[in-house]
Protein backbone atom coordinates (compact mmCIF):
# COMPACT_ATOMS: atom_id res chain seq x y z
CA UNK A 1 -40.81 -31.85 18.47
CA UNK A 2 -43.24 -29.59 16.59
CA UNK A 3 -42.20 -26.91 14.11
CA UNK A 4 -44.61 -24.06 14.88
CA UNK A 5 -42.16 -21.43 16.20
CA UNK A 6 -38.44 -20.71 15.84
CA UNK A 7 -37.77 -20.06 19.53
CA UNK A 8 -36.09 -22.72 21.65
CA UNK A 9 -38.75 -24.17 23.93
CA UNK A 10 -36.61 -26.69 25.82
CA UNK A 11 -33.01 -27.78 26.11
CA UNK A 12 -33.50 -30.56 23.56
CA UNK A 13 -34.33 -28.01 20.85
CA UNK A 14 -30.67 -26.98 20.86
CA UNK A 15 -29.91 -30.39 19.32
CA UNK A 16 -32.03 -29.45 16.28
CA UNK A 17 -30.04 -26.23 16.03
CA UNK A 18 -26.70 -28.05 16.14
CA UNK A 19 -27.75 -30.57 13.48
CA UNK A 20 -28.36 -27.75 11.00
CA UNK A 21 -24.69 -26.79 10.97
CA UNK A 22 -23.59 -30.38 10.46
CA UNK A 23 -25.99 -30.58 7.52
CA UNK A 24 -24.64 -27.35 6.03
CA UNK A 25 -21.05 -28.55 6.24
CA UNK A 26 -22.04 -31.91 4.76
CA UNK A 27 -23.51 -30.13 1.75
CA UNK A 28 -20.22 -28.42 0.87
CA UNK A 29 -18.06 -29.98 -1.88
CA UNK A 30 -15.02 -29.50 0.39
CA UNK A 31 -16.70 -30.76 3.58
CA UNK A 32 -14.28 -31.66 6.38
CA UNK A 33 -16.77 -34.22 7.72
CA UNK A 34 -20.01 -35.67 6.38
CA UNK A 35 -23.15 -36.31 8.37
CA UNK A 36 -25.78 -37.60 5.93
CA UNK A 37 -28.29 -37.89 8.78
CA UNK A 38 -28.10 -34.31 10.00
CA UNK A 39 -30.64 -32.80 7.61
CA UNK A 40 -33.30 -35.33 8.55
CA UNK A 41 -32.55 -34.93 12.24
CA UNK A 42 -32.67 -31.12 12.15
CA UNK A 43 -35.91 -30.93 10.19
CA UNK A 44 -37.59 -27.69 9.22
CA UNK A 45 -37.76 -26.47 12.80
CA UNK A 46 -34.01 -26.83 13.25
CA UNK A 47 -33.39 -24.66 10.20
CA UNK A 48 -35.77 -22.00 11.46
CA UNK A 49 -34.03 -21.94 14.85
CA UNK A 50 -30.63 -21.58 13.16
CA UNK A 51 -31.91 -18.74 11.00
CA UNK A 52 -33.26 -16.92 14.03
CA UNK A 53 -29.84 -17.09 15.69
CA UNK A 54 -28.00 -16.10 12.51
CA UNK A 55 -30.03 -12.92 12.30
CA UNK A 56 -28.68 -11.79 15.69
CA UNK A 57 -25.11 -13.11 15.41
CA UNK A 58 -22.55 -10.92 13.59
CA UNK A 59 -19.87 -11.98 11.12
CA UNK A 60 -21.20 -15.51 10.64
CA UNK A 61 -19.64 -16.50 13.96
CA UNK A 62 -22.15 -19.32 14.49
CA UNK A 63 -21.30 -21.38 11.42
CA UNK A 64 -17.57 -21.75 11.96
CA UNK A 65 -17.84 -22.34 15.70
CA UNK A 66 -20.20 -25.30 15.24
CA UNK A 67 -18.10 -26.67 12.37
CA UNK A 68 -14.86 -26.50 14.35
CA UNK A 69 -16.43 -28.02 17.46
CA UNK A 70 -17.78 -31.00 15.54
CA UNK A 71 -14.50 -31.52 13.72
CA UNK A 72 -12.42 -31.41 16.90
CA UNK A 73 -14.69 -33.78 18.83
CA UNK A 74 -14.49 -36.17 15.87
CA UNK A 75 -10.71 -35.94 16.00
CA UNK A 76 -10.42 -36.62 19.72
CA UNK A 77 -12.84 -39.56 19.50
CA UNK A 78 -10.99 -41.07 16.53
CA UNK A 79 -7.66 -40.81 18.34
CA UNK A 80 -9.09 -42.31 21.54
CA UNK A 81 -10.45 -45.30 19.64
CA UNK A 82 -7.12 -45.78 17.84
CA UNK A 83 -5.41 -45.76 21.24
CA UNK A 84 -7.64 -48.48 22.64
CA UNK A 85 -10.80 -46.84 24.00
CA UNK A 86 -13.32 -49.65 24.47
CA UNK A 87 -16.35 -47.60 25.52
CA UNK A 88 -17.69 -44.18 24.53
CA UNK A 89 -20.36 -42.63 26.75
CA UNK A 90 -21.95 -39.56 25.19
CA UNK A 91 -23.75 -37.56 27.88
CA UNK A 92 -26.47 -35.20 26.63
CA UNK A 93 -26.02 -36.89 23.25
CA UNK A 94 -28.81 -34.95 21.56
CA UNK A 95 -28.98 -35.70 17.83
CA UNK A 96 -25.35 -36.75 17.46
CA UNK A 97 -25.01 -39.37 14.71
CA UNK A 98 -21.36 -40.36 15.15
CA UNK A 99 -22.13 -44.07 15.71
CA UNK A 100 -23.64 -44.04 12.21
CA UNK A 101 -21.28 -41.77 10.30
CA UNK A 102 -17.78 -42.29 11.72
CA UNK A 103 -15.28 -45.02 10.89
CA UNK A 104 -15.52 -47.03 14.12
CA UNK A 105 -14.79 -50.69 14.94
CA UNK A 106 -17.86 -52.90 15.15
CA UNK A 107 -16.69 -54.08 18.58
CA UNK A 108 -16.77 -50.59 20.11
CA UNK A 109 -19.50 -49.97 22.69
CA UNK A 110 -21.17 -46.59 22.29
CA UNK A 111 -23.78 -45.43 24.80
CA UNK A 112 -25.93 -42.33 24.45
CA UNK A 113 -27.57 -40.78 27.51
CA UNK A 114 -30.12 -37.99 27.28
CA UNK A 115 -33.72 -37.04 28.02
CA UNK A 116 -36.34 -39.56 26.86
CA UNK A 117 -38.06 -37.30 24.29
CA UNK A 118 -34.95 -36.41 22.31
CA UNK A 119 -33.75 -40.02 22.23
CA UNK A 120 -37.18 -41.22 21.09
CA UNK A 121 -37.22 -38.59 18.35
CA UNK A 122 -33.78 -39.63 17.11
CA UNK A 123 -34.61 -43.31 17.24
CA UNK A 124 -37.69 -42.71 15.10
CA UNK A 125 -35.76 -40.68 12.50
CA UNK A 126 -32.95 -43.25 12.29
CA UNK A 127 -35.10 -46.37 12.64
CA UNK A 128 -34.10 -47.69 9.19
CA UNK A 129 -30.40 -46.88 9.57
CA UNK A 130 -27.78 -49.14 11.10
CA UNK A 131 -24.97 -47.94 13.39
CA UNK A 132 -21.44 -49.10 12.60
CA UNK A 133 -20.70 -50.11 16.20
CA UNK A 134 -22.60 -51.44 19.21
CA UNK A 135 -25.03 -48.67 20.17
CA UNK A 136 -27.25 -48.33 23.22
CA UNK A 137 -29.51 -45.42 24.17
CA UNK A 138 -30.35 -44.75 27.79
CA UNK A 139 -33.04 -42.19 28.72
CA UNK A 140 -32.10 -40.24 31.84
CA UNK A 141 -32.36 -36.76 33.27
CA UNK A 142 -28.68 -36.07 33.90
CA UNK A 143 -29.52 -33.50 36.58
CA UNK A 144 -30.50 -36.39 38.87
CA UNK A 145 -27.10 -36.96 40.44
CA UNK A 146 -27.95 -40.16 42.29
CA UNK A 147 -29.50 -41.83 39.25
CA UNK A 148 -26.67 -40.57 37.06
CA UNK A 149 -23.98 -42.03 39.28
CA UNK A 150 -25.70 -45.39 39.55
CA UNK A 151 -26.21 -45.58 35.79
CA UNK A 152 -22.70 -44.57 34.80
CA UNK A 153 -21.15 -46.98 37.26
CA UNK A 154 -23.14 -49.86 35.80
CA UNK A 155 -22.44 -48.85 32.20
CA UNK A 156 -18.68 -48.81 32.76
CA UNK A 157 -18.50 -52.31 34.23
CA UNK A 158 -15.98 -54.29 32.23
CA UNK A 159 -14.50 -51.23 30.50
CA UNK A 160 -10.86 -50.31 31.03
CA UNK A 161 -10.52 -47.24 28.78
CA UNK A 162 -13.87 -45.47 28.70
CA UNK A 163 -14.07 -42.03 27.11
CA UNK A 164 -16.73 -39.60 28.33
CA UNK A 165 -18.02 -37.13 25.73
CA UNK A 166 -19.95 -34.01 26.75
CA UNK A 167 -20.34 -31.85 23.66
CA UNK A 168 -22.19 -28.60 24.25
CA UNK A 169 -23.33 -29.71 27.70
CA UNK A 170 -21.37 -28.19 30.58
CA UNK A 171 -21.95 -24.60 29.44
CA UNK A 172 -25.58 -24.99 30.62
CA UNK A 173 -24.49 -26.00 34.15
CA UNK A 174 -23.34 -24.03 37.17
CA UNK A 175 -19.77 -24.39 38.41
CA UNK A 176 -21.06 -26.48 41.32
CA UNK A 177 -22.93 -28.81 38.97
CA UNK A 178 -19.88 -29.20 36.71
CA UNK A 179 -17.74 -29.94 39.75
CA UNK A 180 -20.15 -32.61 40.93
CA UNK A 181 -20.15 -34.18 37.48
CA UNK A 182 -16.34 -34.15 37.37
CA UNK A 183 -16.17 -35.74 40.82
CA UNK A 184 -18.68 -38.45 39.92
CA UNK A 185 -17.05 -39.31 36.59
CA UNK A 186 -13.58 -39.45 38.12
CA UNK A 187 -14.71 -41.96 40.73
CA UNK A 188 -15.94 -44.50 38.17
CA UNK A 189 -13.60 -47.41 37.58
CA UNK A 190 -12.73 -47.67 33.91
CA UNK A 191 -13.26 -44.00 32.99
CA UNK A 192 -9.92 -42.83 31.64
CA UNK A 193 -10.56 -39.70 29.56
CA UNK A 194 -13.13 -36.97 29.11
CA UNK A 195 -13.50 -34.63 26.13
CA UNK A 196 -15.53 -31.44 26.52
CA UNK A 197 -15.81 -27.88 25.22
CA UNK A 198 -15.15 -24.80 27.35
CA UNK A 199 -15.35 -21.03 27.03
CA UNK A 200 -13.76 -18.27 29.08
CA UNK A 201 -15.82 -15.84 31.18
CA UNK A 202 -15.12 -13.14 28.61
CA UNK A 203 -16.50 -15.16 25.72
CA UNK A 204 -19.36 -16.47 27.85
CA UNK A 205 -20.58 -12.94 28.49
CA UNK A 206 -20.52 -12.17 24.77
CA UNK A 207 -22.52 -15.18 23.71
CA UNK A 208 -24.93 -14.83 26.63
CA UNK A 209 -26.08 -11.50 25.16
CA UNK A 210 -27.20 -13.26 21.99
CA UNK A 211 -28.14 -16.72 23.18
CA UNK A 212 -29.81 -16.25 26.57
CA UNK A 213 -32.75 -14.19 25.24
CA UNK A 214 -33.36 -16.91 22.64
CA UNK A 215 -33.15 -19.58 25.33
CA UNK A 216 -35.45 -17.76 27.77
CA UNK A 217 -38.56 -19.76 26.86
CA UNK A 218 -36.72 -23.03 27.50
CA UNK A 219 -35.95 -22.12 31.11
CA UNK A 220 -32.20 -22.71 30.60
CA UNK A 221 -29.29 -20.35 30.08
CA UNK A 222 -25.57 -20.40 29.39
CA UNK A 223 -23.72 -20.37 32.71
CA UNK A 224 -20.33 -22.08 32.81
CA UNK A 225 -17.16 -20.30 31.75
CA UNK A 226 -14.41 -20.90 34.32
CA UNK A 227 -11.59 -18.36 34.70
CA UNK A 228 -9.14 -21.26 35.04
CA UNK A 229 -10.18 -22.84 31.75
CA UNK A 230 -9.43 -26.58 31.73
CA UNK A 231 -7.41 -26.19 34.94
CA UNK A 232 -10.74 -25.84 36.75
CA UNK A 233 -10.89 -29.64 36.70
CA UNK A 234 -7.58 -30.26 38.47
CA UNK A 235 -9.24 -29.88 41.86
CA UNK A 236 -11.43 -32.85 40.89
CA UNK A 237 -8.40 -34.94 39.88
CA UNK A 238 -8.65 -34.44 36.14
CA UNK A 239 -5.47 -33.45 34.28
CA UNK A 240 -5.71 -31.40 31.05
CA UNK A 241 -3.89 -33.46 28.42
CA UNK A 242 -4.52 -31.38 25.32
CA UNK A 243 -6.54 -28.30 24.37
CA UNK A 244 -7.33 -27.47 20.74
CA UNK A 245 -8.52 -24.09 19.52
CA UNK A 246 -11.74 -23.93 17.46
CA UNK A 247 -10.61 -20.54 16.10
CA UNK A 248 -7.27 -21.81 14.80
CA UNK A 249 -8.87 -25.02 13.58
CA UNK A 250 -11.48 -23.09 11.60
CA UNK A 251 -8.69 -20.93 10.14
CA UNK A 252 -6.77 -24.01 9.05
CA UNK A 253 -9.94 -25.45 7.51
CA UNK A 254 -10.56 -22.13 5.68
CA UNK A 255 -13.93 -21.48 7.30
CA UNK A 256 -13.31 -18.13 9.00
CA UNK A 257 -14.71 -14.74 7.95
CA UNK A 258 -11.99 -12.15 7.30
CA UNK A 259 -12.09 -10.47 10.73
CA UNK A 260 -11.68 -13.79 12.52
CA UNK A 261 -8.87 -14.80 10.16
CA UNK A 262 -6.91 -11.85 11.49
CA UNK A 263 -7.73 -12.84 15.08
CA UNK A 264 -6.54 -16.38 14.42
CA UNK A 265 -3.04 -15.04 13.72
CA UNK A 266 -2.65 -13.92 17.32
CA UNK A 267 -0.57 -16.19 19.61
CA UNK A 268 -2.36 -19.02 21.37
CA UNK A 269 -3.60 -18.21 24.86
CA UNK A 270 -1.31 -19.76 27.45
CA UNK A 271 -2.37 -20.68 30.96
CA UNK A 272 -5.67 -19.54 32.40
CA UNK A 273 -7.82 -17.63 29.87
CA UNK A 274 -9.47 -15.36 32.43
CA UNK A 275 -11.61 -12.68 30.78
CA UNK A 276 -10.06 -13.00 27.33
CA UNK A 277 -12.45 -14.30 24.65
CA UNK A 278 -11.33 -17.91 24.40
CA UNK A 279 -12.76 -21.33 23.68
CA UNK A 280 -11.22 -24.76 23.59
CA UNK A 281 -12.01 -28.40 23.04
CA UNK A 282 -10.28 -30.12 25.93
CA UNK A 283 -9.09 -33.65 26.58
CA UNK A 284 -8.81 -34.48 30.29
CA UNK A 285 -7.25 -37.54 31.91
CA UNK A 286 -8.63 -39.10 35.05
CA UNK A 287 -5.84 -39.08 37.62
CA UNK A 288 -7.47 -42.03 39.39
CA UNK A 289 -7.25 -44.22 36.28
CA UNK A 290 -3.52 -44.81 36.52
CA UNK A 291 -0.98 -44.68 33.67
CA UNK A 292 -2.17 -45.01 30.07
């Protein structure tokens, strides 16, 4: 995890980038969440990556999008735990520090799954810190479908209301890969809900112009923006329960630049977003899990 160049060399570097925005929000006197670990996790390299993106992103769009995404995932997780979730599985967990910074019951099982290097890096940075709940880290390449299915099935044994979290993950996958993931997760006994972030094809094309050149060295790119929005998952027996707008959330939290404040006054997109610039943090329910 060296700090010699600002470009993103591999997919795990995006976790350094994300941590910067959590650190920036934490430093505000009116912070809507606090992540005291984010600055250490991001390091100097994370800040340099964020600066390189900021120089090519107009209107400060990056800051408020990361802030709103973090806030909304926090909200969905908090509500799931209050409603009885007994297991959180964070896929492609990156440098997420929620098991350390959120108000969670000590009895809650939290499992992080990601590539070995990023988990080792995080474990080293946080080695003197104690999580508030039961935390386990599992190194795995999530692109290995067979290994992924075996692991997730074993992790969910004994759980009745597991919540799957995929923050900033599915956008890097193809539609076929997202469909396979949805199918595999839905077949696991005990998995009840899934929270994830989505963009429309229209917004995907806009952010690809900025992000994909920066990601070129890593060998990954932004790919997934379904025309159907969260309804893409219905064919895999996942029902959209609730969708929350990062744009309107950022407006309510007073984090939007002026131009985006005006955009936030427009009516909420209903139905399939199609080519309109749209993003949402989505809660899905597994139709195979039975009634809540």
